[in-house]
PDB file of N, CA and C in Angstrom:
ATOM      1  N   MET A   1      99.177  99.942 111.197  1.00  0.00           N
ATOM      2  CA  MET A   1     100.227 100.532 110.015  1.00  0.00           C
ATOM      3  C   MET A   1      99.717 102.046 109.829  1.00  0.00           C
ATOM      4  N   SER A   2     100.219 102.881 110.075  1.00  0.00           N
ATOM      5  CA  SER A   2      99.452 104.195 109.820  1.00  0.00           C
ATOM      6  C   SER A   2      99.120 104.060 108.517  1.00  0.00           C
ATOM      7  N   MET A   3      98.462 105.436 107.724  1.00  0.00           N
ATOM      8  CA  MET A   3      98.214 105.646 106.207  1.00  0.00           C
ATOM      9  C   MET A   3      99.817 105.774 105.445  1.00  0.00           C
ATOM     10  N   LYS A   4     100.297 106.698 106.415  1.00  0.00           N
ATOM     11  CA  LYS A   4     101.492 106.884 105.802  1.00  0.00           C
ATOM     12  C   LYS A   4     102.843 106.283 105.611  1.00  0.00           C
ATOM     13  N   GLU A   5     102.230 105.278 106.687  1.00  0.00           N
ATOM     14  CA  GLU A   5     103.136 103.742 106.503  1.00  0.00           C
ATOM     15  C   GLU A   5     102.955 103.025 105.248  1.00  0.00           C
ATOM     16  N   THR A   6     101.630 102.814 105.452  1.00  0.00           N
ATOM     17  CA  THR A   6     101.092 102.075 104.085  1.00  0.00           C
ATOM     18  C   THR A   6     101.244 102.583 102.705  1.00  0.00           C
ATOM     19  N   GLN A   7     100.989 104.282 102.693  1.00  0.00           N
ATOM     20  CA  GLN A   7     101.440 104.434 101.180  1.00  0.00           C
ATOM     21  C   GLN A   7     103.219 104.349 101.256  1.00  0.00           C
ATOM     22  N   GLU A   8     103.685 104.371 102.120  1.00  0.00           N
ATOM     23  CA  GLU A   8     105.512 104.186 102.076  1.00  0.00           C
ATOM     24  C   GLU A   8     105.585 102.695 101.491  1.00  0.00           C
ATOM     25  N   LYS A   9     104.777 101.854 102.269  1.00  0.00           N
ATOM     26  CA  LYS A   9     105.011 100.072 102.167  1.00  0.00           C
ATOM     27  C   LYS A   9     104.801  99.977 100.421  1.00  0.00           C
ATOM     28  N   VAL A  10     103.411 100.617  99.794  1.00  0.00           N
ATOM     29  CA  VAL A  10     103.107 100.589  98.590  1.00  0.00           C
ATOM     30  C   VAL A  10     104.217 100.672  97.368  1.00  0.00           C
ATOM     31  N   ASP A  11     104.435 102.008  97.643  1.00  0.00           N
ATOM     32  CA  ASP A  11     105.483 102.661  96.988  1.00  0.00           C
ATOM     33  C   ASP A  11     106.917 101.852  96.969  1.00  0.00           C
ATOM     34  N   LEU A  12     106.979 101.169  98.203  1.00  0.00           N
ATOM     35  CA  LEU A  12     108.423 100.101  98.121  1.00  0.00           C
ATOM     36  C   LEU A  12     108.160  99.198  97.225  1.00  0.00           C
ATOM     37  N   TRP A  13     106.605  98.146  97.469  1.00  0.00           N
ATOM     38  CA  TRP A  13     106.343  97.513  96.560  1.00  0.00           C
ATOM     39  C   TRP A  13     106.441  97.832  94.923  1.00  0.00           C
ATOM     40  N   ILE A  14     105.888  99.062  94.641  1.00  0.00           N
ATOM     41  CA  ILE A  14     106.130  99.195  93.344  1.00  0.00           C
ATOM     42  C   ILE A  14     107.317  99.223  92.882  1.00  0.00           C
ATOM     43  N   LYS A  15     107.935  99.500  93.625  1.00  0.00           N
ATOM     44  CA  LYS A  15     109.668  99.843  93.288  1.00  0.00           C
ATOM     45  C   LYS A  15     110.239  98.905  92.942  1.00  0.00           C
ATOM     46  N   GLN A  16     109.882  98.088  94.208  1.00  0.00           N
ATOM     47  CA  GLN A  16     110.598  96.593  94.139  1.00  0.00           C
ATOM     48  C   GLN A  16     110.122  95.591  92.998  1.00  0.00           C
ATOM     49  N   TYR A  17     108.876  95.495  92.692  1.00  0.00           N
ATOM     50  CA  TYR A  17     108.113  94.174  92.048  1.00  0.00           C
ATOM     51  C   TYR A  17     107.253  94.973  90.930  1.00  0.00           C
ATOM     52  N   GLY A  18     106.778  96.192  90.877  1.00  0.00           N
ATOM     53  CA  GLY A  18     106.173  96.814  89.809  1.00  0.00           C
ATOM     54  C   GLY A  18     106.715  97.237  88.959  1.00  0.00           C
ATOM     55  N   VAL A  19     107.959  97.387  89.177  1.00  0.00           N
ATOM     56  CA  VAL A  19     109.050  98.318  87.586  1.00  0.00           C
ATOM     57  C   VAL A  19     108.652  99.701  88.121  1.00  0.00           C
ATOM     58  N   ARG A  20     107.708 100.142  87.964  1.00  0.00           N
ATOM     59  CA  ARG A  20     106.805 101.523  87.967  1.00  0.00           C
ATOM     60  C   ARG A  20     105.514 101.681  87.940  1.00  0.00           C
ATOM     61  N   TYR A  21     104.736 103.036  88.442  1.00  0.00           N
ATOM     62  CA  TYR A  21     103.624 102.996  88.521  1.00  0.00           C
ATOM     63  C   TYR A  21     103.031 103.007  87.130  1.00  0.00           C
ATOM     64  N   PHE A  22     101.855 102.624  86.916  1.00  0.00           N
ATOM     65  CA  PHE A  22     101.029 102.499  85.468  1.00  0.00           C
ATOM     66  C   PHE A  22     100.699 104.176  85.348  1.00  0.00           C
ATOM     67  N   SER A  23     100.180 104.609  84.508  1.00  0.00           N
ATOM     68  CA  SER A  23      99.856 106.074  84.569  1.00  0.00           C
ATOM     69  C   SER A  23      99.038 106.059  85.254  1.00  0.00           C
ATOM     70  N   GLU A  24      98.442 107.817  85.647  1.00  0.00           N
ATOM     71  CA  GLU A  24      97.243 108.030  86.570  1.00  0.00           C
ATOM     72  C   GLU A  24      96.000 107.547  85.866  1.00  0.00           C
ATOM     73  N   LEU A  25      95.864 107.618  84.711  1.00  0.00           N
ATOM     74  CA  LEU A  25      94.722 107.030  83.379  1.00  0.00           C
ATOM     75  C   LEU A  25      94.408 105.463  83.763  1.00  0.00           C
ATOM     76  N   THR A  26      95.463 104.689  83.474  1.00  0.00           N
ATOM     77  CA  THR A  26      95.659 103.415  83.887  1.00  0.00           C
ATOM     78  C   THR A  26      95.060 103.069  85.218  1.00  0.00           C
ATOM     79  N   ASN A  27      95.473 103.691  86.621  1.00  0.00           N
ATOM     80  CA  ASN A  27      95.227 103.261  87.330  1.00  0.00           C
ATOM     81  C   ASN A  27      93.795 103.441  87.757  1.00  0.00           C
ATOM     82  N   LEU A  28      92.985 104.960  87.127  1.00  0.00           N
ATOM     83  CA  LEU A  28      92.029 104.999  87.126  1.00  0.00           C
ATOM     84  C   LEU A  28      91.004 103.999  86.434  1.00  0.00           C
ATOM     85  N   ALA A  29      91.319 103.481  85.775  1.00  0.00           N
ATOM     86  CA  ALA A  29      90.587 102.314  84.829  1.00  0.00           C
ATOM     87  C   ALA A  29      90.616 101.232  85.910  1.00  0.00           C
ATOM     88  N   LEU A  30      91.908 100.893  86.339  1.00  0.00           N
ATOM     89  CA  LEU A  30      92.114  99.592  87.139  1.00  0.00           C
ATOM     90  C   LEU A  30      90.993 100.005  88.539  1.00  0.00           C
ATOM     91  N   LEU A  31      91.244 101.295  88.673  1.00  0.00           N
ATOM     92  CA  LEU A  31      90.344 101.329  90.057  1.00  0.00           C
ATOM     93  C   LEU A  31      88.931 101.221  90.055  1.00  0.00           C
ATOM     94  N   MET A  32      88.349 101.427  88.722  1.00  0.00           N
ATOM     95  CA  MET A  32      87.239 101.061  88.463  1.00  0.00           C
ATOM     96  C   MET A  32      86.612  99.736  88.439  1.00  0.00           C
ATOM     97  N   GLU A  33      87.805  99.069  87.487  1.00  0.00           N
ATOM     98  CA  GLU A  33      87.611  97.571  87.140  1.00  0.00           C
ATOM     99  C   GLU A  33      87.653  96.879  88.824  1.00  0.00           C
ATOM    100  N   GLU A  34      88.482  97.226  89.460  1.00  0.00           N
ATOM    101  CA  GLU A  34      88.301  96.603  90.909  1.00  0.00           C
ATOM    102  C   GLU A  34      87.240  97.101  91.609  1.00  0.00           C
ATOM    103  N   THR A  35      86.605  98.066  91.805  1.00  0.00           N
ATOM    104  CA  THR A  35      86.020  98.523  92.456  1.00  0.00           C
ATOM    105  C   THR A  35      84.518  97.712  91.886  1.00  0.00           C
ATOM    106  N   GLY A  36      84.491  97.219  90.125  1.00  0.00           N
ATOM    107  CA  GLY A  36      83.302  96.547  89.876  1.00  0.00           C
ATOM    108  C   GLY A  36      83.343  95.243  90.139  1.00  0.00           C
ATOM    109  N   GLU A  37      84.686  94.883  90.420  1.00  0.00           N
ATOM    110  CA  GLU A  37      84.789  93.626  90.819  1.00  0.00           C
ATOM    111  C   GLU A  37      84.269  93.199  92.865  1.00  0.00           C
ATOM    112  N   MET A  38      84.192  94.205  93.681  1.00  0.00           N
ATOM    113  CA  MET A  38      83.824  94.384  94.944  1.00  0.00           C
ATOM    114  C   MET A  38      82.430  94.462  94.762  1.00  0.00           C
ATOM    115  N   ALA A  39      81.788  95.406  93.829  1.00  0.00           N
ATOM    116  CA  ALA A  39      80.475  95.488  93.697  1.00  0.00           C
ATOM    117  C   ALA A  39      79.413  94.544  93.450  1.00  0.00           C
ATOM    118  N   ARG A  40      80.529  92.937  92.544  1.00  0.00           N
ATOM    119  CA  ARG A  40      79.331  91.900  92.242  1.00  0.00           C
ATOM    120  C   ARG A  40      79.665  91.155  92.834  1.00  0.00           C
ATOM    121  N   ILE A  41      80.664  91.075  93.929  1.00  0.00           N
ATOM    122  CA  ILE A  41      80.618  90.281  95.143  1.00  0.00           C
ATOM    123  C   ILE A  41      79.225  90.538  96.029  1.00  0.00           C
ATOM    124  N   ILE A  42      79.546  91.987  96.552  1.00  0.00           N
ATOM    125  CA  ILE A  42      78.508  92.420  97.312  1.00  0.00           C
ATOM    126  C   ILE A  42      77.228  92.533  96.899  1.00  0.00           C
ATOM    127  N   ALA A  43      76.888  92.409  95.531  1.00  0.00           N
ATOM    128  CA  ALA A  43      75.712  92.443  94.857  1.00  0.00           C
ATOM    129  C   ALA A  43      74.683  90.716  95.114  1.00  0.00           C
ATOM    130  N   ARG A  44      76.095  90.067  94.998  1.00  0.00           N
ATOM    131  CA  ARG A  44      75.714  88.686  95.036  1.00  0.00           C
ATOM    132  C   ARG A  44      75.859  88.027  96.573  1.00  0.00           C
ATOM    133  N   LYS A  45      76.423  88.641  97.341  1.00  0.00           N
ATOM    134  CA  LYS A  45      76.232  87.831  98.729  1.00  0.00           C
ATOM    135  C   LYS A  45      75.464  88.869  99.754  1.00  0.00           C
ATOM    136  N   TYR A  46      75.243  90.266  99.084  1.00  0.00           N
ATOM    137  CA  TYR A  46      74.467  91.183 100.017  1.00  0.00           C
ATOM    138  C   TYR A  46      72.959  91.637  99.581  1.00  0.00           C
ATOM    139  N   GLY A  47      72.982  91.393  97.572  1.00  0.00           N
ATOM    140  CA  GLY A  47      71.984  91.774  97.105  1.00  0.00           C
ATOM    141  C   GLY A  47      71.104  90.418  96.610  1.00  0.00           C
ATOM    142  N   GLU A  48      70.227  90.849  95.559  1.00  0.00           N
ATOM    143  CA  GLU A  48      69.370  89.841  95.215  1.00  0.00           C
ATOM    144  C   GLU A  48      69.894  88.988  94.119  1.00  0.00           C
ATOM    145  N   GLN A  49      70.944  89.182  93.539  1.00  0.00           N
ATOM    146  CA  GLN A  49      71.807  88.152  92.486  1.00  0.00           C
ATOM    147  C   GLN A  49      72.178  86.920  93.062  1.00  0.00           C
ATOM    148  N   THR A  50      72.529  86.177  92.768  1.00  0.00           N
ATOM    149  CA  THR A  50      72.745  84.661  92.923  1.00  0.00           C
ATOM    150  C   THR A  50      74.567  84.679  92.617  1.00  0.00           C
ATOM    151  N   ALA A  51      75.214  83.876  93.323  1.00  0.00           N
ATOM    152  CA  ALA A  51      76.250  83.648  92.801  1.00  0.00           C
ATOM    153  C   ALA A  51      76.561  82.441  91.978  1.00  0.00           C
ATOM    154  N   LYS A  52      77.603  82.539  90.554  1.00  0.00           N
ATOM    155  CA  LYS A  52      78.063  81.676  89.794  1.00  0.00           C
ATOM    156  C   LYS A  52      78.491  80.581  90.898  1.00  0.00           C
ATOM    157  N   PRO A  53      78.917  79.448  90.253  1.00  0.00           N
ATOM    158  CA  PRO A  53      79.450  78.474  91.138  1.00  0.00           C
ATOM    159  C   PRO A  53      80.620  78.886  91.162  1.00  0.00           C
ATOM    160  N   ALA A  54      81.457  79.421  90.245  1.00  0.00           N
ATOM    161  CA  ALA A  54      82.948  79.648  90.286  1.00  0.00           C
ATOM    162  C   ALA A  54      82.883  81.242  90.600  1.00  0.00           C
ATOM    163  N   GLU A  55      81.823  82.023  91.267  1.00  0.00           N
ATOM    164  CA  GLU A  55      82.405  83.406  92.179  1.00  0.00           C
ATOM    165  C   GLU A  55      81.657  82.945  93.817  1.00  0.00           C
ATOM    166  N   GLU A  56      81.694  82.027  93.953  1.00  0.00           N
ATOM    167  CA  GLU A  56      81.212  81.246  95.676  1.00  0.00           C
ATOM    168  C   GLU A  56      82.932  81.829  96.539  1.00  0.00           C
ATOM    169  N   GLU A  57      83.749  81.524  95.364  1.00  0.00           N
ATOM    170  CA  GLU A  57      85.237  81.499  96.133  1.00  0.00           C
ATOM    171  C   GLU A  57      85.736  82.952  96.337  1.00  0.00           C
ATOM    172  N   MET A  58      84.613  83.810  95.595  1.00  0.00           N
ATOM    173  CA  MET A  58      85.389  84.915  95.669  1.00  0.00           C
ATOM    174  C   MET A  58      85.793  85.800  97.259  1.00  0.00           C
ATOM    175  N   ASN A  59      86.644  86.462  97.176  1.00  0.00           N
ATOM    176  CA  ASN A  59      86.946  86.654  98.534  1.00  0.00           C
ATOM    177  C   ASN A  59      86.711  88.441  98.496  1.00  0.00           C
ATOM    178  N   LEU A  60      85.756  89.050  99.378  1.00  0.00           N
ATOM    179  CA  LEU A  60      85.622  90.581  99.186  1.00  0.00           C
ATOM    180  C   LEU A  60      86.457  90.764  99.922  1.00  0.00           C
ATOM    181  N   GLY A  61      87.116  90.542 100.908  1.00  0.00           N
ATOM    182  CA  GLY A  61      88.186  91.392 101.626  1.00  0.00           C
ATOM    183  C   GLY A  61      89.287  91.634 100.810  1.00  0.00           C
ATOM    184  N   ASP A  62      90.030  90.538  99.806  1.00  0.00           N
ATOM    185  CA  ASP A  62      90.789  90.854  98.712  1.00  0.00           C
ATOM    186  C   ASP A  62      90.429  91.758  98.135  1.00  0.00           C
ATOM    187  N   GLU A  63      89.201  92.124  97.347  1.00  0.00           N
ATOM    188  CA  GLU A  63      89.090  92.843  96.668  1.00  0.00           C
ATOM    189  C   GLU A  63      88.986  94.441  96.974  1.00  0.00           C
ATOM    190  N   MET A  64      88.106  94.399  98.054  1.00  0.00           N
ATOM    191  CA  MET A  64      88.726  95.802  98.712  1.00  0.00           C
ATOM    192  C   MET A  64      90.048  96.142  99.277  1.00  0.00           C
ATOM    193  N   ALA A  65      90.436  95.124  99.361  1.00  0.00           N
ATOM    194  CA  ALA A  65      92.411  95.307  99.531  1.00  0.00           C
ATOM    195  C   ALA A  65      93.021  95.854  97.736  1.00  0.00           C
ATOM    196  N   ASP A  66      92.421  95.290  97.154  1.00  0.00           N
ATOM    197  CA  ASP A  66      92.761  95.728  95.550  1.00  0.00           C
ATOM    198  C   ASP A  66      92.206  97.230  95.423  1.00  0.00           C
ATOM    199  N   VAL A  67      91.331  97.757  95.668  1.00  0.00           N
ATOM    200  CA  VAL A  67      90.682  99.010  95.301  1.00  0.00           C
ATOM    201  C   VAL A  67      91.596  99.218  96.147  1.00  0.00           C
ATOM    202  N   LEU A  68      91.858  99.427  97.590  1.00  0.00           N
ATOM    203  CA  LEU A  68      92.698 100.471  98.352  1.00  0.00           C
ATOM    204  C   LEU A  68      94.045 100.374  98.119  1.00  0.00           C
ATOM    205  N   PHE A  69      94.515  99.440  97.284  1.00  0.00           N
ATOM    206  CA  PHE A  69      96.403  99.520  96.821  1.00  0.00           C
ATOM    207  C   PHE A  69      96.065 100.130  95.507  1.00  0.00           C
ATOM    208  N   VAL A  70      95.146 100.174  95.002  1.00  0.00           N
ATOM    209  CA  VAL A  70      95.270 100.769  93.393  1.00  0.00           C
ATOM    210  C   VAL A  70      94.878 102.854  94.064  1.00  0.00           C
ATOM    211  N   LEU A  71      93.758 102.800  95.026  1.00  0.00           N
ATOM    212  CA  LEU A  71      93.732 104.328  95.057  1.00  0.00           C
ATOM    213  C   LEU A  71      94.687 104.744  96.029  1.00  0.00           C
ATOM    214  N   ILE A  72      95.593 103.940  96.421  1.00  0.00           N
ATOM    215  CA  ILE A  72      96.866 104.406  96.931  1.00  0.00           C
ATOM    216  C   ILE A  72      98.057 104.830  96.445  1.00  0.00           C
ATOM    217  N   CYS A  73      97.917 104.052  95.238  1.00  0.00           N
ATOM    218  CA  CYS A  73      99.068 104.060  94.034  1.00  0.00           C
ATOM    219  C   CYS A  73      98.424 105.580  93.470  1.00  0.00           C
ATOM    220  N   LEU A  74      97.569 105.681  93.048  1.00  0.00           N
ATOM    221  CA  LEU A  74      97.056 107.588  92.832  1.00  0.00           C
ATOM    222  C   LEU A  74      97.292 107.992  93.500  1.00  0.00           C
ATOM    223  N   ALA A  75      97.642 108.126  95.288  1.00  0.00           N
ATOM    224  CA  ALA A  75      97.484 108.982  95.804  1.00  0.00           C
ATOM    225  C   ALA A  75      99.039 109.279  96.079  1.00  0.00           C
ATOM    226  N   ASN A  76      99.650 108.505  95.738  1.00  0.00           N
ATOM    227  CA  ASN A  76     101.518 108.397  95.829  1.00  0.00           C
ATOM    228  C   ASN A  76     101.794 109.424  94.579  1.00  0.00           C
ATOM    229  N   GLN A  77     101.085 108.645  93.497  1.00  0.00           N
ATOM    230  CA  GLN A  77     101.334 109.245  92.143  1.00  0.00           C
ATOM    231  C   GLN A  77     101.245 110.868  91.688  1.00  0.00           C
ATOM    232  N   THR A  78      99.921 111.229  92.654  1.00  0.00           N
ATOM    233  CA  THR A  78      99.802 112.627  92.570  1.00  0.00           C
ATOM    234  C   THR A  78     100.009 113.523  93.702  1.00  0.00           C
ATOM    235  N   GLY A  79     100.953 112.762  94.477  1.00  0.00           N
ATOM    236  CA  GLY A  79     101.695 113.477  95.935  1.00  0.00           C
ATOM    237  C   GLY A  79     100.250 114.094  96.882  1.00  0.00           C
ATOM    238  N   ILE A  80      99.441 113.029  97.059  1.00  0.00           N
ATOM    239  CA  ILE A  80      97.889 113.235  97.984  1.00  0.00           C
ATOM    240  C   ILE A  80      98.649 112.371  99.299  1.00  0.00           C
ATOM    241  N   ASN A  81      98.644 112.787 100.658  1.00  0.00           N
ATOM    242  CA  ASN A  81      98.998 112.433 101.812  1.00  0.00           C
ATOM    243  C   ASN A  81      97.534 111.662 102.099  1.00  0.00           C
ATOM    244  N   LEU A  82      97.030 110.819 102.105  1.00  0.00           N
ATOM    245  CA  LEU A  82      96.276 110.231 102.144  1.00  0.00           C
ATOM    246  C   LEU A  82      95.638 110.260 103.971  1.00  0.00           C
ATOM    247  N   GLU A  83      96.405 110.273 104.586  1.00  0.00           N
ATOM    248  CA  GLU A  83      96.300 110.647 106.400  1.00  0.00           C
ATOM    249  C   GLU A  83      95.675 111.893 106.260  1.00  0.00           C
ATOM    250  N   GLU A  84      96.329 112.734 105.621  1.00  0.00           N
ATOM    251  CA  GLU A  84      96.192 114.254 106.432  1.00  0.00           C
ATOM    252  C   GLU A  84      94.557 114.649 104.931  1.00  0.00           C
ATOM    253  N   ALA A  85      94.482 114.113 104.092  1.00  0.00           N
ATOM    254  CA  ALA A  85      93.559 114.408 103.361  1.00  0.00           C
ATOM    255  C   ALA A  85      92.127 113.652 104.190  1.00  0.00           C
ATOM    256  N   LEU A  86      92.210 112.834 104.208  1.00  0.00           N
ATOM    257  CA  LEU A  86      91.314 111.915 105.326  1.00  0.00           C
ATOM    258  C   LEU A  86      90.724 112.735 106.669  1.00  0.00           C
ATOM    259  N   GLU A  87      91.809 113.188 107.212  1.00  0.00           N
ATOM    260  CA  GLU A  87      91.374 114.034 108.239  1.00  0.00           C
ATOM    261  C   GLU A  87      90.904 115.300 108.261  1.00  0.00           C
ATOM    262  N   ARG A  88      91.326 116.062 106.978  1.00  0.00           N
ATOM    263  CA  ARG A  88      90.599 117.253 106.504  1.00  0.00           C
ATOM    264  C   ARG A  88      88.785 117.084 106.421  1.00  0.00           C
ATOM    265  N   ASN A  89      88.860 115.464 105.608  1.00  0.00           N
ATOM    266  CA  ASN A  89      87.708 115.104 105.068  1.00  0.00           C
ATOM    267  C   ASN A  89      86.484 114.778 105.997  1.00  0.00           C
ATOM    268  N   LEU A  90      87.303 114.183 107.266  1.00  0.00           N
ATOM    269  CA  LEU A  90      86.256 113.783 108.392  1.00  0.00           C
ATOM    270  C   LEU A  90      86.042 115.397 108.963  1.00  0.00           C
ATOM    271  N   ILE A  91      87.192 116.578 108.961  1.00  0.00           N
ATOM    272  CA  ILE A  91      86.412 117.720 109.394  1.00  0.00           C
ATOM    273  C   ILE A  91      84.939 118.351 108.893  1.00  0.00           C
ATOM    274  N   LYS A  92      85.266 118.128 107.726  1.00  0.00           N
ATOM    275  CA  LYS A  92      84.355 118.653 106.420  1.00  0.00           C
ATOM    276  C   LYS A  92      82.936 118.173 106.520  1.00  0.00           C
ATOM    277  N   LYS A  93      82.973 116.876 107.091  1.00  0.00           N
ATOM    278  CA  LYS A  93      81.971 116.354 107.102  1.00  0.00           C
ATOM    279  C   LYS A  93      81.013 116.511 108.538  1.00  0.00           C
ATOM    280  N   THR A  94      82.101 115.899 109.071  1.00  0.00           N
ATOM    281  CA  THR A  94      81.456 116.712 110.748  1.00  0.00           C
ATOM    282  C   THR A  94      80.752 117.636 110.793  1.00  0.00           C
ATOM    283  N   ILE A  95      81.631 119.098 110.367  1.00  0.00           N
ATOM    284  CA  ILE A  95      80.729 120.306 110.342  1.00  0.00           C
ATOM    285  C   ILE A  95      79.785 120.113 109.211  1.00  0.00           C
ATOM    286  N   ARG A  96      79.685 120.027 107.947  1.00  0.00           N
ATOM    287  CA  ARG A  96      78.348 119.946 107.324  1.00  0.00           C
ATOM    288  C   ARG A  96      77.346 119.171 107.493  1.00  0.00           C
ATOM    289  N   ASP A  97      77.575 117.882 108.648  1.00  0.00           N
ATOM    290  CA  ASP A  97      76.885 116.397 108.867  1.00  0.00           C
ATOM    291  C   ASP A  97      76.670 116.443 110.212  1.00  0.00           C
ATOM    292  N   SER A  98      76.871 117.178 110.752  1.00  0.00           N
ATOM    293  CA  SER A  98      76.653 117.135 112.307  1.00  0.00           C
ATOM    294  C   SER A  98      75.716 116.761 112.744  1.00  0.00           C
ATOM    295  N   HIS A  99      74.523 117.112 112.231  1.00  0.00           N
ATOM    296  CA  HIS A  99      73.103 116.996 113.002  1.00  0.00           C
ATOM    297  C   HIS A  99      72.266 116.522 111.707  1.00  0.00           C
ATOM    298  N   ARG A 100      72.809 116.306 109.866  1.00  0.00           N
ATOM    299  CA  ARG A 100      72.042 115.960 109.465  1.00  0.00           C
ATOM    300  C   ARG A 100      71.613 114.777 109.458  1.00  0.00           C
ATOM    301  N   HIS A 101      72.178 113.702 109.534  1.00  0.00           N
ATOM    302  CA  HIS A 101      72.267 112.168 110.593  1.00  0.00           C
ATOM    303  C   HIS A 101      71.324 112.208 110.935  1.00  0.00           C
ATOM    304  N   LEU A 102      71.265 112.943 112.203  1.00  0.00           N
ATOM    305  CA  LEU A 102      71.186 112.520 113.678  1.00  0.00           C
ATOM    306  C   LEU A 102      69.370 112.939 113.704  1.00  0.00           C
ATOM    307  N   ASN A 103      68.901 113.681 112.820  1.00  0.00           N
ATOM    308  CA  ASN A 103      67.781 114.653 112.696  1.00  0.00           C
ATOM    309  C   ASN A 103      66.764 113.684 111.681  1.00  0.00           C
ATOM    310  N   ASN A 104      67.822 112.781 110.944  1.00  0.00           N
ATOM    311  CA  ASN A 104      67.060 111.994 109.736  1.00  0.00           C
ATOM    312  C   ASN A 104      66.467 110.652 109.749  1.00  0.00           C
ATOM    313  N   PRO A 105      64.745 111.211 109.535  1.00  0.00           N
ATOM    314  CA  PRO A 105      63.742 110.038 110.404  1.00  0.00           C
ATOM    315  C   PRO A 105      63.964 109.117 109.457  1.00  0.00           C
ATOM    316  N   LYS A 106      64.443 108.603 108.444  1.00  0.00           N
ATOM    317  CA  LYS A 106      64.760 107.491 107.822  1.00  0.00           C
ATOM    318  C   LYS A 106      65.610 106.839 108.539  1.00  0.00           C
ATOM    319  N   LEU A 107      66.553 107.182 109.368  1.00  0.00           N
ATOM    320  CA  LEU A 107      68.166 106.568 109.608  1.00  0.00           C
ATOM    321  C   LEU A 107      66.959 106.350 111.252  1.00  0.00           C
TER     322      LEU A 107
END
């Protein structure tokens, strides 16, 4: 599924089941909340923290999908075509960083 199709699918879901989009500020808060939930799993799975018994069943992929969903909602609300924005961003990064990482002795 293309990013355009994904944005359309999320928009259709919102219109069918979500009644309407939450405000942009509410969705920004939700994005931070979902990002925190994703960070919690990563900190416990890949970091030094240990998971509580109730946290062991948490699904990283599901949390990433939650982050993506809310990000797509924000893009839809603000008229951002994520496919075009990502393409422009990759071009910017390529121009800016084409040799930076290759010449980084830390990598």
